[in-house]
């Protein structure tokens, strides 16, 4: 029986042909985005050079990427951006606020 282990993959920032940046995994860049003409903007974020997330602009992340972030970190980001939320808000509510939905 095969055993699958989710590999930790570093995140990179890529730029599309219109100049818009996106945060994707390094693996996704190498397999999908590079072939579509996206260019690498930043070096991979590994555990050695990742910060605590306070400098990361959550507004640029997708819903799927935001799902991977702890609720406390989402709330910290919303506090920093002075966006109000209910103290009992769940992760979906917090993500909706960040995505403007």
Foldseek 3Di string as FASTA:
>chain_A
DDDDDDDDFFWFWKAAPVGDIAIDTPVCCVPPVVVRPIGTDDDTDDPVRDDPCQPPQCLRYDPVVLVPDDPVSLVVNCVVVVHDDDPPDDSVRSVCVSPVD
